[in-house]
Amino acid sequence: KQGHTVGMTGDGVNDVMALKQADCSIAMGSGAQAA
């Protein structure tokens, strides 16, 4: 909302919503399948 392009990293199911919302999402290869 402040005009930033946002990147999000995560590896768990709890990160899925933030990963989907981010402009660029980066997951760890050993993370959960949903991520």
Full PDB file with SEQRES, HELIX, SHEET, SSBOND, CRYST1, ORIGX, SCALE, CONECT and MASTER records, all heavy atoms in Angstrom:
SEQRES   1 A   35  LYS GLN GLY HIS THR VAL GLY MET THR GLY ASP GLY VAL          
SEQRES   2 A   35  ASN ASP VAL MET ALA LEU LYS GLN ALA ASP CYS SER ILE          
SEQRES   3 A   35  ALA MET GLY SER GLY ALA GLN ALA ALA                          
HELIX    1 AA1 VAL A   13  ASP A   15  5                                   3    
HELIX    2 AA2 VAL A   16  GLN A   21  1                                   6    
SHEET    1 AA1 2 GLY A   7  GLY A  10  0                                        
SHEET    2 AA1 2 CYS A  24  ALA A  27  1                                        
CRYST1    1.000    1.000    1.000  90.00  90.00  90.00 P 1           1          
ORIGX1      1.000000  0.000000  0.000000        0.00000                         
ORIGX2      0.000000  1.000000  0.000000        0.00000                         
ORIGX3      0.000000  0.000000  1.000000        0.00000                         
SCALE1      1.000000  0.000000  0.000000        0.00000                         
SCALE2      0.000000  1.000000  0.000000        0.00000                         
SCALE3      0.000000  0.000000  1.000000        0.00000                         
ATOM      1  N   LYS A   1       0.821  -1.211   0.000  1.00  0.00           N  
ATOM      2  CA  LYS A   1       0.000   0.000   0.000  1.00  0.00           C  
ATOM      3  C   LYS A   1       0.856   1.262   0.000  1.00  0.00           C  
ATOM      4  O   LYS A   1       0.414   2.325  -0.428  1.00  0.00           O  
ATOM      5  CB  LYS A   1      -0.932  -0.003   1.214  1.00  0.00           C  
ATOM      6  CG  LYS A   1      -2.060  -1.034   1.106  1.00  0.00           C  
ATOM      7  CD  LYS A   1      -2.949  -1.013   2.345  1.00  0.00           C  
ATOM      8  CE  LYS A   1      -4.054  -2.049   2.227  1.00  0.00           C  
ATOM      9  NZ  LYS A   1      -4.912  -2.093   3.448  1.00  0.00           N  
ATOM     10  N   GLN A   2       2.093   1.143   0.477  1.00  0.00           N  
ATOM     11  CA  GLN A   2       3.014   2.276   0.477  1.00  0.00           C  
ATOM     12  C   GLN A   2       3.788   2.382  -0.842  1.00  0.00           C  
ATOM     13  O   GLN A   2       4.660   3.242  -0.982  1.00  0.00           O  
ATOM     14  CB  GLN A   2       4.006   2.146   1.634  1.00  0.00           C  
ATOM     15  CG  GLN A   2       3.339   2.231   3.001  1.00  0.00           C  
ATOM     16  CD  GLN A   2       4.333   2.013   4.140  1.00  0.00           C  
ATOM     17  OE1 GLN A   2       5.545   2.081   3.922  1.00  0.00           O  
ATOM     18  NE2 GLN A   2       3.831   1.768   5.336  1.00  0.00           N  
ATOM     19  N   GLY A   3       3.465   1.497  -1.804  1.00  0.00           N  
ATOM     20  CA  GLY A   3       4.084   1.564  -3.116  1.00  0.00           C  
ATOM     21  C   GLY A   3       5.324   0.722  -3.291  1.00  0.00           C  
ATOM     22  O   GLY A   3       6.021   0.852  -4.302  1.00  0.00           O  
ATOM     23  N   HIS A   4       5.621  -0.146  -2.337  1.00  0.00           N  
ATOM     24  CA  HIS A   4       6.811  -0.980  -2.428  1.00  0.00           C  
ATOM     25  C   HIS A   4       6.530  -2.263  -3.209  1.00  0.00           C  
ATOM     26  O   HIS A   4       5.408  -2.760  -3.233  1.00  0.00           O  
ATOM     27  CB  HIS A   4       7.317  -1.359  -1.031  1.00  0.00           C  
ATOM     28  CG  HIS A   4       7.789  -0.197  -0.220  1.00  0.00           C  
ATOM     29  ND1 HIS A   4       8.966   0.480  -0.487  1.00  0.00           N  
ATOM     30  CD2 HIS A   4       7.237   0.426   0.858  1.00  0.00           C  
ATOM     31  CE1 HIS A   4       9.128   1.455   0.393  1.00  0.00           C  
ATOM     32  NE2 HIS A   4       8.081   1.444   1.217  1.00  0.00           N  
ATOM     33  N   THR A   5       7.566  -2.778  -3.854  1.00  0.00           N  
ATOM     34  CA  THR A   5       7.516  -4.113  -4.440  1.00  0.00           C  
ATOM     35  C   THR A   5       8.079  -5.075  -3.399  1.00  0.00           C  
ATOM     36  O   THR A   5       9.229  -4.934  -2.982  1.00  0.00           O  
ATOM     37  CB  THR A   5       8.357  -4.193  -5.726  1.00  0.00           C  
ATOM     38  OG1 THR A   5       7.826  -3.251  -6.663  1.00  0.00           O  
ATOM     39  CG2 THR A   5       8.300  -5.585  -6.329  1.00  0.00           C  
ATOM     40  N   VAL A   6       7.290  -6.031  -2.989  1.00  0.00           N  
ATOM     41  CA  VAL A   6       7.600  -6.827  -1.803  1.00  0.00           C  
ATOM     42  C   VAL A   6       8.002  -8.243  -2.187  1.00  0.00           C  
ATOM     43  O   VAL A   6       7.333  -8.897  -2.997  1.00  0.00           O  
ATOM     44  CB  VAL A   6       6.389  -6.875  -0.844  1.00  0.00           C  
ATOM     45  CG1 VAL A   6       6.758  -7.624   0.440  1.00  0.00           C  
ATOM     46  CG2 VAL A   6       5.921  -5.468  -0.509  1.00  0.00           C  
ATOM     47  N   GLY A   7       9.111  -8.702  -1.596  1.00  0.00           N  
ATOM     48  CA  GLY A   7       9.523 -10.089  -1.725  1.00  0.00           C  
ATOM     49  C   GLY A   7       9.318 -10.807  -0.400  1.00  0.00           C  
ATOM     50  O   GLY A   7       9.453 -10.214   0.666  1.00  0.00           O  
ATOM     51  N   MET A   8       8.975 -12.084  -0.473  1.00  0.00           N  
ATOM     52  CA  MET A   8       8.707 -12.871   0.731  1.00  0.00           C  
ATOM     53  C   MET A   8       9.385 -14.225   0.607  1.00  0.00           C  
ATOM     54  O   MET A   8       9.324 -14.870  -0.443  1.00  0.00           O  
ATOM     55  CB  MET A   8       7.194 -13.056   0.907  1.00  0.00           C  
ATOM     56  CG  MET A   8       6.783 -13.997   2.023  1.00  0.00           C  
ATOM     57  SD  MET A   8       7.172 -13.336   3.651  1.00  0.00           S  
ATOM     58  CE  MET A   8       6.810 -14.778   4.685  1.00  0.00           C  
ATOM     59  N   THR A   9      10.064 -14.622   1.675  1.00  0.00           N  
ATOM     60  CA  THR A   9      10.682 -15.950   1.695  1.00  0.00           C  
ATOM     61  C   THR A   9      10.017 -16.789   2.772  1.00  0.00           C  
ATOM     62  O   THR A   9       9.560 -16.263   3.796  1.00  0.00           O  
ATOM     63  CB  THR A   9      12.191 -15.865   1.985  1.00  0.00           C  
ATOM     64  OG1 THR A   9      12.387 -15.267   3.270  1.00  0.00           O  
ATOM     65  CG2 THR A   9      12.905 -15.052   0.923  1.00  0.00           C  
ATOM     66  N   GLY A  10       9.964 -18.080   2.541  1.00  0.00           N  
ATOM     67  CA  GLY A  10       9.365 -18.975   3.517  1.00  0.00           C  
ATOM     68  C   GLY A  10       9.518 -20.425   3.120  1.00  0.00           C  
ATOM     69  O   GLY A  10       9.924 -20.732   1.990  1.00  0.00           O  
ATOM     70  N   ASP A  11       9.205 -21.312   4.039  1.00  0.00           N  
ATOM     71  CA  ASP A  11       9.317 -22.736   3.751  1.00  0.00           C  
ATOM     72  C   ASP A  11       8.198 -23.564   4.354  1.00  0.00           C  
ATOM     73  O   ASP A  11       8.127 -24.772   4.118  1.00  0.00           O  
ATOM     74  CB  ASP A  11      10.673 -23.280   4.238  1.00  0.00           C  
ATOM     75  CG  ASP A  11      10.845 -23.104   5.749  1.00  0.00           C  
ATOM     76  OD1 ASP A  11       9.938 -22.523   6.383  1.00  0.00           O  
ATOM     77  OD2 ASP A  11      11.877 -23.544   6.278  1.00  0.00           O  
ATOM     78  N   GLY A  12       7.313 -22.927   5.121  1.00  0.00           N  
ATOM     79  CA  GLY A  12       6.279 -23.684   5.812  1.00  0.00           C  
ATOM     80  C   GLY A  12       4.884 -23.343   5.326  1.00  0.00           C  
ATOM     81  O   GLY A  12       4.668 -22.389   4.575  1.00  0.00           O  
ATOM     82  N   VAL A  13       3.913 -24.147   5.796  1.00  0.00           N  
ATOM     83  CA  VAL A  13       2.518 -23.916   5.416  1.00  0.00           C  
ATOM     84  C   VAL A  13       2.033 -22.574   5.935  1.00  0.00           C  
ATOM     85  O   VAL A  13       1.216 -21.901   5.306  1.00  0.00           O  
ATOM     86  CB  VAL A  13       1.637 -25.068   5.957  1.00  0.00           C  
ATOM     87  CG1 VAL A  13       0.163 -24.803   5.675  1.00  0.00           C  
ATOM     88  CG2 VAL A  13       2.065 -26.397   5.360  1.00  0.00           C  
ATOM     89  N   ASN A  14       2.546 -22.147   7.093  1.00  0.00           N  
ATOM     90  CA  ASN A  14       2.115 -20.874   7.675  1.00  0.00           C  
ATOM     91  C   ASN A  14       2.580 -19.678   6.845  1.00  0.00           C  
ATOM     92  O   ASN A  14       2.106 -18.561   7.050  1.00  0.00           O  
ATOM     93  CB  ASN A  14       2.649 -20.753   9.099  1.00  0.00           C  
ATOM     94  CG  ASN A  14       4.166 -20.821   9.144  1.00  0.00           C  
ATOM     95  OD1 ASN A  14       4.767 -21.722   8.553  1.00  0.00           O  
ATOM     96  ND2 ASN A  14       4.784 -19.879   9.834  1.00  0.00           N  
ATOM     97  N   ASP A  15       3.508 -19.875   5.911  1.00  0.00           N  
ATOM     98  CA  ASP A  15       4.001 -18.776   5.062  1.00  0.00           C  
ATOM     99  C   ASP A  15       3.221 -18.650   3.754  1.00  0.00           C  
ATOM    100  O   ASP A  15       3.458 -17.710   2.988  1.00  0.00           O  
ATOM    101  CB  ASP A  15       5.474 -18.998   4.718  1.00  0.00           C  
ATOM    102  CG  ASP A  15       6.350 -19.026   5.956  1.00  0.00           C  
ATOM    103  OD1 ASP A  15       6.114 -18.190   6.845  1.00  0.00           O  
ATOM    104  OD2 ASP A  15       7.258 -19.883   6.030  1.00  0.00           O  
ATOM    105  N   VAL A  16       2.310 -19.575   3.473  1.00  0.00           N  
ATOM    106  CA  VAL A  16       1.672 -19.632   2.155  1.00  0.00           C  
ATOM    107  C   VAL A  16       0.903 -18.360   1.832  1.00  0.00           C  
ATOM    108  O   VAL A  16       1.003 -17.814   0.726  1.00  0.00           O  
ATOM    109  CB  VAL A  16       0.755 -20.869   2.052  1.00  0.00           C  
ATOM    110  CG1 VAL A  16      -0.107 -20.796   0.790  1.00  0.00           C  
ATOM    111  CG2 VAL A  16       1.589 -22.137   2.038  1.00  0.00           C  
ATOM    112  N   MET A  17       0.125 -17.839   2.770  1.00  0.00           N  
ATOM    113  CA  MET A  17      -0.687 -16.647   2.493  1.00  0.00           C  
ATOM    114  C   MET A  17       0.188 -15.439   2.162  1.00  0.00           C  
ATOM    115  O   MET A  17      -0.101 -14.680   1.231  1.00  0.00           O  
ATOM    116  CB  MET A  17      -1.577 -16.330   3.697  1.00  0.00           C  
ATOM    117  CG  MET A  17      -2.631 -17.392   3.978  1.00  0.00           C  
ATOM    118  SD  MET A  17      -3.742 -17.658   2.572  1.00  0.00           S  
ATOM    119  CE  MET A  17      -4.572 -16.079   2.531  1.00  0.00           C  
ATOM    120  N   ALA A  18       1.269 -15.262   2.906  1.00  0.00           N  
ATOM    121  CA  ALA A  18       2.175 -14.140   2.637  1.00  0.00           C  
ATOM    122  C   ALA A  18       2.908 -14.341   1.317  1.00  0.00           C  
ATOM    123  O   ALA A  18       3.149 -13.382   0.574  1.00  0.00           O  
ATOM    124  CB  ALA A  18       3.165 -13.993   3.785  1.00  0.00           C  
ATOM    125  N   LEU A  19       3.275 -15.577   0.997  1.00  0.00           N  
ATOM    126  CA  LEU A  19       3.947 -15.859  -0.271  1.00  0.00           C  
ATOM    127  C   LEU A  19       3.045 -15.534  -1.458  1.00  0.00           C  
ATOM    128  O   LEU A  19       3.489 -14.988  -2.468  1.00  0.00           O  
ATOM    129  CB  LEU A  19       4.374 -17.328  -0.321  1.00  0.00           C  
ATOM    130  CG  LEU A  19       5.544 -17.736   0.596  1.00  0.00           C  
ATOM    131  CD1 LEU A  19       5.689 -19.256   0.623  1.00  0.00           C  
ATOM    132  CD2 LEU A  19       6.844 -17.096   0.124  1.00  0.00           C  
ATOM    133  N   LYS A  20       1.763 -15.868  -1.345  1.00  0.00           N  
ATOM    134  CA  LYS A  20       0.815 -15.589  -2.427  1.00  0.00           C  
ATOM    135  C   LYS A  20       0.576 -14.093  -2.571  1.00  0.00           C  
ATOM    136  O   LYS A  20       0.382 -13.594  -3.684  1.00  0.00           O  
ATOM    137  CB  LYS A  20      -0.512 -16.312  -2.170  1.00  0.00           C  
ATOM    138  CG  LYS A  20      -0.427 -17.822  -2.287  1.00  0.00           C  
ATOM    139  CD  LYS A  20      -1.781 -18.480  -2.114  1.00  0.00           C  
ATOM    140  CE  LYS A  20      -2.692 -18.163  -3.284  1.00  0.00           C  
ATOM    141  NZ  LYS A  20      -3.957 -18.909  -3.223  1.00  0.00           N  
ATOM    142  N   GLN A  21       0.580 -13.358  -1.453  1.00  0.00           N  
ATOM    143  CA  GLN A  21       0.302 -11.930  -1.504  1.00  0.00           C  
ATOM    144  C   GLN A  21       1.487 -11.137  -2.039  1.00  0.00           C  
ATOM    145  O   GLN A  21       1.318 -10.107  -2.683  1.00  0.00           O  
ATOM    146  CB  GLN A  21      -0.056 -11.431  -0.095  1.00  0.00           C  
ATOM    147  CG  GLN A  21      -0.339  -9.945  -0.003  1.00  0.00           C  
ATOM    148  CD  GLN A  21      -1.567  -9.537  -0.804  1.00  0.00           C  
ATOM    149  OE1 GLN A  21      -2.517 -10.314  -0.912  1.00  0.00           O  
ATOM    150  NE2 GLN A  21      -1.545  -8.335  -1.363  1.00  0.00           N  
ATOM    151  N   ALA A  22       2.695 -11.609  -1.826  1.00  0.00           N  
ATOM    152  CA  ALA A  22       3.893 -10.866  -2.202  1.00  0.00           C  
ATOM    153  C   ALA A  22       4.033 -10.771  -3.720  1.00  0.00           C  
ATOM    154  O   ALA A  22       3.517 -11.593  -4.471  1.00  0.00           O  
ATOM    155  CB  ALA A  22       5.124 -11.532  -1.603  1.00  0.00           C  
ATOM    156  N   ASP A  23       4.741  -9.720  -4.157  1.00  0.00           N  
ATOM    157  CA  ASP A  23       5.010  -9.562  -5.590  1.00  0.00           C  
ATOM    158  C   ASP A  23       5.990 -10.614  -6.089  1.00  0.00           C  
ATOM    159  O   ASP A  23       5.923 -11.032  -7.244  1.00  0.00           O  
ATOM    160  CB  ASP A  23       5.575  -8.158  -5.861  1.00  0.00           C  
ATOM    161  CG  ASP A  23       4.586  -7.074  -5.477  1.00  0.00           C  
ATOM    162  OD1 ASP A  23       3.575  -6.923  -6.187  1.00  0.00           O  
ATOM    163  OD2 ASP A  23       4.823  -6.390  -4.476  1.00  0.00           O  
ATOM    164  N   CYS A  24       6.920 -11.007  -5.252  1.00  0.00           N  
ATOM    165  CA  CYS A  24       7.893 -12.041  -5.607  1.00  0.00           C  
ATOM    166  C   CYS A  24       8.064 -12.945  -4.401  1.00  0.00           C  
ATOM    167  O   CYS A  24       8.451 -12.489  -3.319  1.00  0.00           O  
ATOM    168  CB  CYS A  24       9.227 -11.417  -6.002  1.00  0.00           C  
ATOM    169  SG  CYS A  24      10.496 -12.623  -6.435  1.00  0.00           S  
ATOM    170  N   SER A  25       7.762 -14.217  -4.561  1.00  0.00           N  
ATOM    171  CA  SER A  25       7.842 -15.162  -3.453  1.00  0.00           C  
ATOM    172  C   SER A  25       8.939 -16.177  -3.705  1.00  0.00           C  
ATOM    173  O   SER A  25       9.086 -16.691  -4.813  1.00  0.00           O  
ATOM    174  CB  SER A  25       6.496 -15.870  -3.263  1.00  0.00           C  
ATOM    175  OG  SER A  25       6.040 -16.409  -4.490  1.00  0.00           O  
ATOM    176  N   ILE A  26       9.710 -16.458  -2.652  1.00  0.00           N  
ATOM    177  CA  ILE A  26      10.876 -17.339  -2.759  1.00  0.00           C  
ATOM    178  C   ILE A  26      10.762 -18.401  -1.673  1.00  0.00           C  
ATOM    179  O   ILE A  26      10.657 -18.074  -0.479  1.00  0.00           O  
ATOM    180  CB  ILE A  26      12.184 -16.544  -2.584  1.00  0.00           C  
ATOM    181  CG1 ILE A  26      12.221 -15.391  -3.589  1.00  0.00           C  
ATOM    182  CG2 ILE A  26      13.391 -17.445  -2.759  1.00  0.00           C  
ATOM    183  CD1 ILE A  26      13.275 -14.361  -3.298  1.00  0.00           C  
ATOM    184  N   ALA A  27      10.800 -19.659  -2.057  1.00  0.00           N  
ATOM    185  CA  ALA A  27      10.667 -20.757  -1.119  1.00  0.00           C  
ATOM    186  C   ALA A  27      11.943 -21.586  -1.070  1.00  0.00           C  
ATOM    187  O   ALA A  27      12.696 -21.657  -2.044  1.00  0.00           O  
ATOM    188  CB  ALA A  27       9.487 -21.649  -1.502  1.00  0.00           C  
ATOM    189  N   MET A  28      12.174 -22.197   0.072  1.00  0.00           N  
ATOM    190  CA  MET A  28      13.297 -23.112   0.217  1.00  0.00           C  
ATOM    191  C   MET A  28      12.953 -24.457  -0.432  1.00  0.00           C  
ATOM    192  O   MET A  28      11.820 -24.935  -0.340  1.00  0.00           O  
ATOM    193  CB  MET A  28      13.616 -23.345   1.698  1.00  0.00           C  
ATOM    194  CG  MET A  28      14.021 -22.098   2.464  1.00  0.00           C  
ATOM    195  SD  MET A  28      15.605 -21.415   1.919  1.00  0.00           S  
ATOM    196  CE  MET A  28      15.050 -19.961   1.052  1.00  0.00           C  
ATOM    197  N   GLY A  29      13.935 -25.076  -1.041  1.00  0.00           N  
ATOM    198  CA  GLY A  29      13.687 -26.349  -1.717  1.00  0.00           C  
ATOM    199  C   GLY A  29      13.265 -27.459  -0.795  1.00  0.00           C  
ATOM    200  O   GLY A  29      12.550 -28.388  -1.202  1.00  0.00           O  
ATOM    201  N   SER A  30      13.656 -27.376   0.465  1.00  0.00           N  
ATOM    202  CA  SER A  30      13.285 -28.407   1.428  1.00  0.00           C  
ATOM    203  C   SER A  30      12.003 -28.065   2.177  1.00  0.00           C  
ATOM    204  O   SER A  30      11.663 -28.744   3.147  1.00  0.00           O  
ATOM    205  CB  SER A  30      14.428 -28.586   2.440  1.00  0.00           C  
ATOM    206  OG  SER A  30      14.678 -27.354   3.122  1.00  0.00           O  
ATOM    207  N   GLY A  31      11.296 -27.010   1.732  1.00  0.00           N  
ATOM    208  CA  GLY A  31      10.103 -26.573   2.439  1.00  0.00           C  
ATOM    209  C   GLY A  31       8.879 -27.420   2.152  1.00  0.00           C  
ATOM    210  O   GLY A  31       8.933 -28.411   1.414  1.00  0.00           O  
ATOM    211  N   ALA A  32       7.767 -26.993   2.708  1.00  0.00           N  
ATOM    212  CA  ALA A  32       6.509 -27.713   2.517  1.00  0.00           C  
ATOM    213  C   ALA A  32       6.055 -27.614   1.068  1.00  0.00           C  
ATOM    214  O   ALA A  32       6.336 -26.629   0.376  1.00  0.00           O  
ATOM    215  CB  ALA A  32       5.445 -27.141   3.451  1.00  0.00           C  
ATOM    216  N   GLN A  33       5.329 -28.630   0.607  1.00  0.00           N  
ATOM    217  CA  GLN A  33       4.889 -28.671  -0.780  1.00  0.00           C  
ATOM    218  C   GLN A  33       3.972 -27.496  -1.114  1.00  0.00           C  
ATOM    219  O   GLN A  33       4.018 -26.958  -2.226  1.00  0.00           O  
ATOM    220  CB  GLN A  33       4.159 -29.997  -1.046  1.00  0.00           C  
ATOM    221  CG  GLN A  33       3.782 -30.226  -2.492  1.00  0.00           C  
ATOM    222  CD  GLN A  33       4.998 -30.295  -3.401  1.00  0.00           C  
ATOM    223  OE1 GLN A  33       6.036 -30.815  -3.007  1.00  0.00           O  
ATOM    224  NE2 GLN A  33       4.889 -29.759  -4.610  1.00  0.00           N  
ATOM    225  N   ALA A  34       3.148 -27.079  -0.174  1.00  0.00           N  
ATOM    226  CA  ALA A  34       2.241 -25.947  -0.416  1.00  0.00           C  
ATOM    227  C   ALA A  34       3.030 -24.661  -0.654  1.00  0.00           C  
ATOM    228  O   ALA A  34       2.684 -23.853  -1.514  1.00  0.00           O  
ATOM    229  CB  ALA A  34       1.289 -25.777   0.760  1.00  0.00           C  
ATOM    230  N   ALA A  35       4.118 -24.467   0.101  1.00  0.00           N  
ATOM    231  CA  ALA A  35       4.949 -23.279  -0.080  1.00  0.00           C  
ATOM    232  C   ALA A  35       5.643 -23.310  -1.438  1.00  0.00           C  
ATOM    233  O   ALA A  35       5.752 -22.278  -2.118  1.00  0.00           O  
ATOM    234  CB  ALA A  35       5.978 -23.173   1.045  1.00  0.00           C  
TER     235      ALA A  35                                                      
MASTER        0    0    0    2    2    0    0    6  234    1    0    3          
END                                                                             
